Every structure is written in structure tokens, then in C-alpha cells.
Amino acid sequence: MRALPRRLLQHRILKFSLVGAIGIVVQFVVLCGLVKAHVHYLVATVLAVESALVHNFIWHRQFTWSDQVDLRRFANLSRFFRFHLSNGAISLLGNLLIMWPLVGGLGFSVVVANGFAILICFAANFLASDYWVFSLGKNGVLGRAVSARVKPS
């Protein structure tokens, strides 16, 4: 029984990564298209991240956390709001704070800097999604995996 939470955690992280990988493609396509259209790289970053956020929310709800069905009337709207507050803030602020010094200060390419930003924001986004956005209980799957290993005193 102890292996189930760990397996569930690994399975959830794998699904999260798959959706995130597709979201990265969405983000890069939008970012590159906007930069080629001469949109300032920071404005293009915000719009690209927002595109990926909407994509990722839809797929996380339908695929990554499909077992966390919430039948309350405005559950999906509430989750979308929480997803934007958490993953949106982490991704937007993280991307902007990382892109600005890498592109503006150090001269990195927009795509390379954006790749670093995405990797840095990954873990924080997973934890926020699992604990706050999609979890039906008090803890996300990571909390349940840790709880299963800790014996009560």
C-alpha cells in the first residue's frame, strides 16, 4: 500500500511533464511568432505564458488530475482562477524575472532564456497545482506520499 502514493506521485509528475512539454511548444511558438512580429520580448513573454497557461489548465483538468472530479457548481471556474493565481504568478513573474537579466542584461537569446525560466518554474508549478488547484483533500498527492511513509506516534 505504501508504494501506491509513490507510484501515483510518479504517474502524476509524468502526466504533468507531458502536458507541460506540449505547453512549452505552445509558449515557444507564440513567443517566437510575436517576437518576429516585432512585439517587445517582455510583452511577447507575457502573452506566450498566458497561452501556455490556458492550454495547460485545460489538459491538467482533463488528463493530469482527471481523477479529482469536483461536482460543485463553479468548481472549474474556481480551479481556473486558482491555477492563474498560482501557476500564472509563478510562470509570469518567474519568466519575467529570469528573462529580463538573461536577455536584457546578458544577451541570451529569447528562446534559451525562456527555456531556463520554464525549467526553474516547473517544481513550484507542480506543487501549487497538486496542493491548491486540483486537490480535493487537504494535501496533494505529494503530501499523501510523504504521509504514507511517516508512521503515527
Foldseek 3Di string as FASTA:
>chain_A
DLVVLVVLVVLLLVQLVVLVVVLLVQLVVQQVVVVVVVDPNLVSNLVSQVRSLVSSLVCCCVPSLVVLDDPDDCLSVQLSVLLCVQVVCLLSVLLVVQQCCVCVPVNDDSSVSSVVSSVVSSVSSVLSCQQPRRDPDNGGSVVVSVVSVDDDD
